[in-house]
């Protein structure tokens, strides 16, 4: 298991929480010494520099969107004061937060985007089982993922989901779903981190919704750490499906997370449901 992949996933899914090098190394299963060198070799950045750059980049986007309270942004980025945040922001971008907010433009800033995790193919993929899913109504947090970023921001999206899931009315069961839908020819798609609901009638406007019809699925088990899911997904679409005798059906594909999955550590496994037809 790649420690840098685990570290990237943990950082992105805990970006709004306090983070320390010891904590990230612990989750990655290696020492501080090991992680610093492994992460640097994989990304060209130090661990905590990446954390800082991602938080400041997220704050810059909020400023351009008109965020009125810079102190709140500072606290969300784990800075104890407006002054400390402004100093770090100016050191990183060369301008003050106030100047970025007034300019309403990011073109001149060197933003740190999420680093895409390893997507090389697996040497071995266990055969799937086949199921016909019942119709599902899923509600949750939605973001548009582009072909360029490949959904690198999805871990942070799940963090938002866990903070808001208790406000989703009509939830059914404890299973969570990561649904990919509304794809286009450029490779862009909507990703919804959500739960099954009884209906959409009382769903607050801040939540997105998707209907998953009854459909035949090939169901794959991903038992490794969540940070390696891209490798499994890539292997399914580029290696298993072309020789399987099936074709991809025009329906959402999704991840299914039951109670065995631990969102704090990324361990416990999940299922990947791919819609297929003869």
Protein backbone atom coordinates (compact mmCIF):
# COMPACT_ATOMS: atom_id res chain seq x y z
CA UNK A 1 0.00 0.00 0.00
CA UNK A 2 1.33 3.39 -1.00
CA UNK A 3 1.71 5.70 2.07
CA UNK A 4 1.50 8.83 -0.11
CA UNK A 5 -1.88 7.72 -1.48
CA UNK A 6 -3.21 7.16 2.04
CA UNK A 7 -1.87 10.53 3.13
CA UNK A 8 -3.46 12.33 0.15
CA UNK A 9 -6.84 10.74 0.85
CA UNK A 10 -6.68 11.57 4.56
CA UNK A 11 -5.67 15.18 3.94
CA UNK A 12 -8.41 15.78 1.38
CA UNK A 13 -11.10 14.16 3.53
CA UNK A 14 -10.04 16.05 6.69
CA UNK A 15 -9.02 19.40 5.21
CA UNK A 16 -11.31 21.40 7.50
CA UNK A 17 -10.09 19.61 10.64
CA UNK A 18 -6.84 20.13 12.56
CA UNK A 19 -4.08 18.02 10.99
CA UNK A 20 -0.62 17.11 12.24
CA UNK A 21 2.21 15.25 10.56
CA UNK A 22 2.10 12.58 13.29
CA UNK A 23 -1.62 12.03 12.71
CA UNK A 24 -1.24 11.75 8.92
CA UNK A 25 1.73 9.39 9.28
CA UNK A 26 -0.24 7.23 11.72
CA UNK A 27 -3.13 6.84 9.29
CA UNK A 28 -0.66 6.13 6.49
CA UNK A 29 0.85 3.30 8.54
CA UNK A 30 4.44 4.59 8.50
CA UNK A 31 6.76 6.78 10.57
CA UNK A 32 7.04 10.55 10.16
CA UNK A 33 10.46 10.05 8.58
CA UNK A 34 9.09 7.52 6.08
CA UNK A 35 6.04 9.59 5.15
CA UNK A 36 7.97 12.82 4.61
CA UNK A 37 10.25 11.09 2.11
CA UNK A 38 7.57 8.97 0.43
CA UNK A 39 5.20 11.93 0.04
CA UNK A 40 7.97 14.17 -1.29
CA UNK A 41 9.05 11.53 -3.80
CA UNK A 42 5.46 11.07 -5.04
CA UNK A 43 4.33 14.70 -5.16
CA UNK A 44 7.37 16.98 -5.02
CA UNK A 45 5.92 18.68 -1.93
CA UNK A 46 6.27 18.32 1.81
CA UNK A 47 3.19 16.96 3.60
CA UNK A 48 2.35 20.06 5.62
CA UNK A 49 3.18 22.41 2.74
CA UNK A 50 0.58 20.57 0.68
CA UNK A 51 -1.92 20.88 3.54
CA UNK A 52 -1.27 24.61 3.80
CA UNK A 53 -1.45 25.16 0.03
CA UNK A 54 -4.74 23.27 -0.27
CA UNK A 55 -6.32 25.20 2.62
CA UNK A 56 -5.19 28.58 1.30
CA UNK A 57 -6.37 27.69 -2.20
CA UNK A 58 -9.77 26.72 -0.84
CA UNK A 59 -9.90 30.02 1.07
CA UNK A 60 -8.98 31.96 -2.08
CA UNK A 61 -11.90 30.42 -3.94
CA UNK A 62 -14.22 31.38 -1.10
CA UNK A 63 -12.92 34.96 -1.16
CA UNK A 64 -13.54 35.32 -4.89
CA UNK A 65 -17.06 33.99 -4.30
CA UNK A 66 -17.58 36.91 -1.88
CA UNK A 67 -16.99 35.38 1.56
CA UNK A 68 -17.57 38.34 3.92
CA UNK A 69 -15.87 37.06 7.07
CA UNK A 70 -12.13 36.56 6.72
CA UNK A 71 -11.77 35.46 10.35
CA UNK A 72 -14.13 32.53 9.70
CA UNK A 73 -12.01 31.54 6.70
CA UNK A 74 -8.90 31.80 8.87
CA UNK A 75 -10.36 29.50 11.50
CA UNK A 76 -11.56 27.02 8.87
CA UNK A 77 -8.01 26.93 7.48
CA UNK A 78 -6.67 26.18 11.00
CA UNK A 79 -5.19 29.64 11.65
CA UNK A 80 -5.78 31.11 15.09
CA UNK A 81 -6.24 34.72 13.99
CA UNK A 82 -6.99 37.03 11.08
CA UNK A 83 -3.40 38.26 11.25
CA UNK A 84 -1.80 34.80 11.07
CA UNK A 85 -4.02 33.85 8.14
CA UNK A 86 -3.28 37.08 6.26
CA UNK A 87 0.46 36.63 6.76
CA UNK A 88 0.38 33.04 5.45
CA UNK A 89 -1.92 34.01 2.57
CA UNK A 90 0.38 36.86 1.47
CA UNK A 91 3.48 34.66 1.76
CA UNK A 92 1.85 32.00 -0.43
CA UNK A 93 0.08 34.13 -3.06
CA UNK A 94 1.88 37.47 -2.85
CA UNK A 95 -1.36 39.39 -2.17
CA UNK A 96 -3.70 39.88 0.81
CA UNK A 97 -7.03 38.13 1.23
CA UNK A 98 -8.79 41.50 0.96
CA UNK A 99 -7.14 42.15 -2.42
CA UNK A 100 -8.28 38.79 -3.78
CA UNK A 101 -11.83 39.36 -2.59
CA UNK A 102 -11.88 42.82 -4.21
CA UNK A 103 -10.43 41.52 -7.49
CA UNK A 104 -13.02 38.67 -7.75
CA UNK A 105 -10.52 36.81 -9.95
CA UNK A 106 -8.23 33.81 -9.46
CA UNK A 107 -6.28 34.06 -12.71
CA UNK A 108 -3.16 35.51 -11.11
CA UNK A 109 -3.04 33.02 -8.21
CA UNK A 110 -1.06 29.78 -8.14
CA UNK A 111 -3.71 27.52 -6.68
CA UNK A 112 -2.92 24.05 -5.35
CA UNK A 113 -5.44 21.64 -6.82
CA UNK A 114 -6.00 18.20 -5.26
CA UNK A 115 -3.37 15.75 -6.42
CA UNK A 116 -4.94 12.85 -8.30
CA UNK A 117 -4.25 9.49 -6.68
CA UNK A 118 -2.72 6.50 -8.48
CA UNK A 119 -4.93 5.04 -11.22
CA UNK A 120 -2.66 2.38 -12.74
CA UNK A 121 -4.35 -0.94 -13.42
CA UNK A 122 -4.38 -3.78 -10.90
CA UNK A 123 -2.50 -7.00 -11.69
CA UNK A 124 -5.52 -9.01 -10.53
CA UNK A 125 -9.22 -8.21 -10.21
CA UNK A 126 -11.60 -10.61 -8.51
CA UNK A 127 -14.62 -11.60 -10.59
CA UNK A 128 -17.82 -9.67 -9.85
CA UNK A 129 -21.22 -10.96 -8.82
CA UNK A 130 -24.28 -9.84 -10.77
CA UNK A 131 -27.35 -8.25 -9.25
CA UNK A 132 -30.45 -6.46 -10.46
CA UNK A 133 -30.80 -3.41 -8.28
CA UNK A 134 -34.15 -2.16 -7.09
CA UNK A 135 -34.98 1.48 -7.88
CA UNK A 136 -33.23 3.91 -5.50
CA UNK A 137 -33.71 7.56 -4.62
CA UNK A 138 -30.40 9.08 -3.46
CA UNK A 139 -30.00 12.56 -1.95
CA UNK A 140 -26.80 14.28 -0.86
CA UNK A 141 -23.93 16.61 -1.74
CA UNK A 142 -23.17 17.00 -5.46
CA UNK A 143 -20.15 18.35 -7.31
CA UNK A 144 -19.28 18.43 -11.01
CA UNK A 145 -16.10 16.47 -11.66
CA UNK A 146 -14.04 17.29 -14.73
CA UNK A 147 -12.00 15.02 -16.94
CA UNK A 148 -8.89 16.98 -15.94
CA UNK A 149 -9.21 16.52 -12.16
CA UNK A 150 -10.71 13.03 -12.35
CA UNK A 151 -12.71 13.62 -9.18
CA UNK A 152 -9.64 14.44 -7.07
CA UNK A 153 -11.81 16.61 -4.81
CA UNK A 154 -14.23 13.81 -3.93
CA UNK A 155 -12.66 13.05 -0.50
CA UNK A 156 -13.36 16.64 0.59
CA UNK A 157 -16.90 16.28 -0.77
CA UNK A 158 -17.43 13.29 1.52
CA UNK A 159 -16.28 15.41 4.46
CA UNK A 160 -19.03 17.92 3.61
CA UNK A 161 -21.50 15.06 3.36
CA UNK A 162 -20.67 13.72 6.83
CA UNK A 163 -21.23 17.19 8.30
CA UNK A 164 -24.65 17.55 6.68
CA UNK A 165 -26.10 14.03 6.44
CA UNK A 166 -28.19 14.42 9.60
CA UNK A 167 -30.13 17.21 7.84
CA UNK A 168 -31.29 14.96 4.98
CA UNK A 169 -34.95 14.05 5.67
CA UNK A 170 -36.46 10.62 5.04
CA UNK A 171 -33.21 8.66 5.16
CA UNK A 172 -33.53 4.89 4.69
CA UNK A 173 -30.92 2.63 6.29
CA UNK A 174 -27.26 3.27 7.11
CA UNK A 175 -25.69 2.69 3.68
CA UNK A 176 -24.02 5.61 1.88
CA UNK A 177 -23.72 5.90 -1.88
CA UNK A 178 -21.24 7.66 -4.16
CA UNK A 179 -23.14 8.05 -7.43
CA UNK A 180 -21.61 9.00 -10.79
CA UNK A 181 -24.21 10.35 -13.22
CA UNK A 182 -24.93 12.92 -15.95
CA UNK A 183 -21.70 12.24 -17.78
CA UNK A 184 -20.83 14.05 -21.00
CA UNK A 185 -18.61 13.32 -24.00
CA UNK A 186 -15.72 15.29 -22.46
CA UNK A 187 -15.54 12.89 -19.52
CA UNK A 188 -17.16 15.24 -17.00
CA UNK A 189 -19.74 13.88 -14.56
CA UNK A 190 -21.75 14.70 -11.46
CA UNK A 191 -20.72 12.90 -8.27
CA UNK A 192 -23.27 12.71 -5.46
CA UNK A 193 -22.21 11.62 -1.97
CA UNK A 194 -25.54 10.64 -0.49
CA UNK A 195 -27.98 8.27 1.17
CA UNK A 196 -31.16 6.53 0.14
CA UNK A 197 -34.34 8.49 0.95
CA UNK A 198 -38.03 7.63 0.86
CA UNK A 199 -38.87 10.56 -1.42
CA UNK A 200 -37.65 13.98 -2.50
CA UNK A 201 -40.69 16.03 -1.46
CA UNK A 202 -39.17 17.53 1.73
CA UNK A 203 -35.56 17.67 0.55
CA UNK A 204 -33.93 21.07 1.28
CA UNK A 205 -32.63 22.94 -1.76
CA UNK A 206 -28.97 22.57 -0.80
CA UNK A 207 -29.12 18.82 -1.43
CA UNK A 208 -28.96 17.20 -4.87
CA UNK A 209 -30.98 14.18 -5.91
CA UNK A 210 -30.67 11.30 -8.36
CA UNK A 211 -32.99 8.45 -9.32
CA UNK A 212 -31.29 5.10 -9.92
CA UNK A 213 -33.60 2.83 -11.95
CA UNK A 214 -33.93 -0.94 -11.70
CA UNK A 215 -30.88 -2.18 -13.56
CA UNK A 216 -28.52 -5.14 -13.92
CA UNK A 217 -25.14 -4.46 -12.29
CA UNK A 218 -21.75 -6.11 -12.09
CA UNK A 219 -20.75 -5.71 -8.44
CA UNK A 220 -17.06 -5.59 -7.53
CA UNK A 221 -15.63 -5.65 -4.01
CA UNK A 222 -12.87 -3.15 -3.25
CA UNK A 223 -11.36 -4.39 0.01
CA UNK A 224 -8.21 -2.27 0.07
CA UNK A 225 -7.85 1.24 1.48
CA UNK A 226 -10.15 3.80 -0.14
CA UNK A 227 -7.15 5.72 -1.54
CA UNK A 228 -6.59 2.96 -4.13
CA UNK A 229 -10.15 2.95 -5.49
CA UNK A 230 -9.07 4.66 -8.73
CA UNK A 231 -6.93 1.64 -9.58
CA UNK A 232 -9.88 -0.71 -9.16
CA UNK A 233 -12.23 1.52 -11.16
CA UNK A 234 -9.66 1.90 -13.95
CA UNK A 235 -9.14 -1.87 -14.10
CA UNK A 236 -12.89 -2.49 -14.32
CA UNK A 237 -13.55 -0.04 -17.16
CA UNK A 238 -10.38 -0.54 -19.18
CA UNK A 239 -9.54 -4.21 -18.64
CA UNK A 240 -12.51 -6.23 -17.34
CA UNK A 241 -15.41 -4.68 -19.25
CA UNK A 242 -13.93 -4.84 -22.79
CA UNK A 243 -13.43 -8.64 -22.54
CA UNK A 244 -16.39 -9.47 -20.29
CA UNK A 245 -19.02 -10.03 -22.97
CA UNK A 246 -21.07 -7.16 -21.49
CA UNK A 247 -21.51 -3.54 -22.50
CA UNK A 248 -21.92 -0.57 -20.21
CA UNK A 249 -25.57 0.38 -19.75
CA UNK A 250 -26.73 4.00 -19.81
CA UNK A 251 -27.39 4.28 -16.07
CA UNK A 252 -25.61 5.68 -13.01
CA UNK A 253 -22.71 3.70 -11.59
CA UNK A 254 -22.06 3.95 -7.89
CA UNK A 255 -20.05 2.99 -4.83
CA UNK A 256 -21.86 1.39 -1.91
CA UNK A 257 -20.50 1.97 1.62
CA UNK A 258 -22.07 -0.12 4.39
CA UNK A 259 -21.44 0.02 8.14
CA UNK A 260 -18.14 -1.87 7.83
CA UNK A 261 -16.56 1.13 6.10
CA UNK A 262 -14.82 3.57 8.45
CA UNK A 263 -14.87 7.13 7.00
CA UNK A 264 -12.28 8.25 9.58
CA UNK A 265 -9.56 5.83 8.41
CA UNK A 266 -10.68 4.84 4.89
CA UNK A 267 -10.60 1.15 5.81
CA UNK A 268 -13.37 -1.45 5.74
CA UNK A 269 -13.98 -1.87 2.03
CA UNK A 270 -16.84 -0.99 -0.30
CA UNK A 271 -18.64 -2.21 -3.40
CA UNK A 272 -18.46 -0.74 -6.90
CA UNK A 273 -21.65 -1.21 -8.95
CA UNK A 274 -21.25 -0.97 -12.75
CA UNK A 275 -24.42 -0.98 -14.92
CA UNK A 276 -24.20 -3.61 -17.67
CA UNK A 277 -26.25 -5.09 -20.49
CA UNK A 278 -25.80 -8.13 -22.73
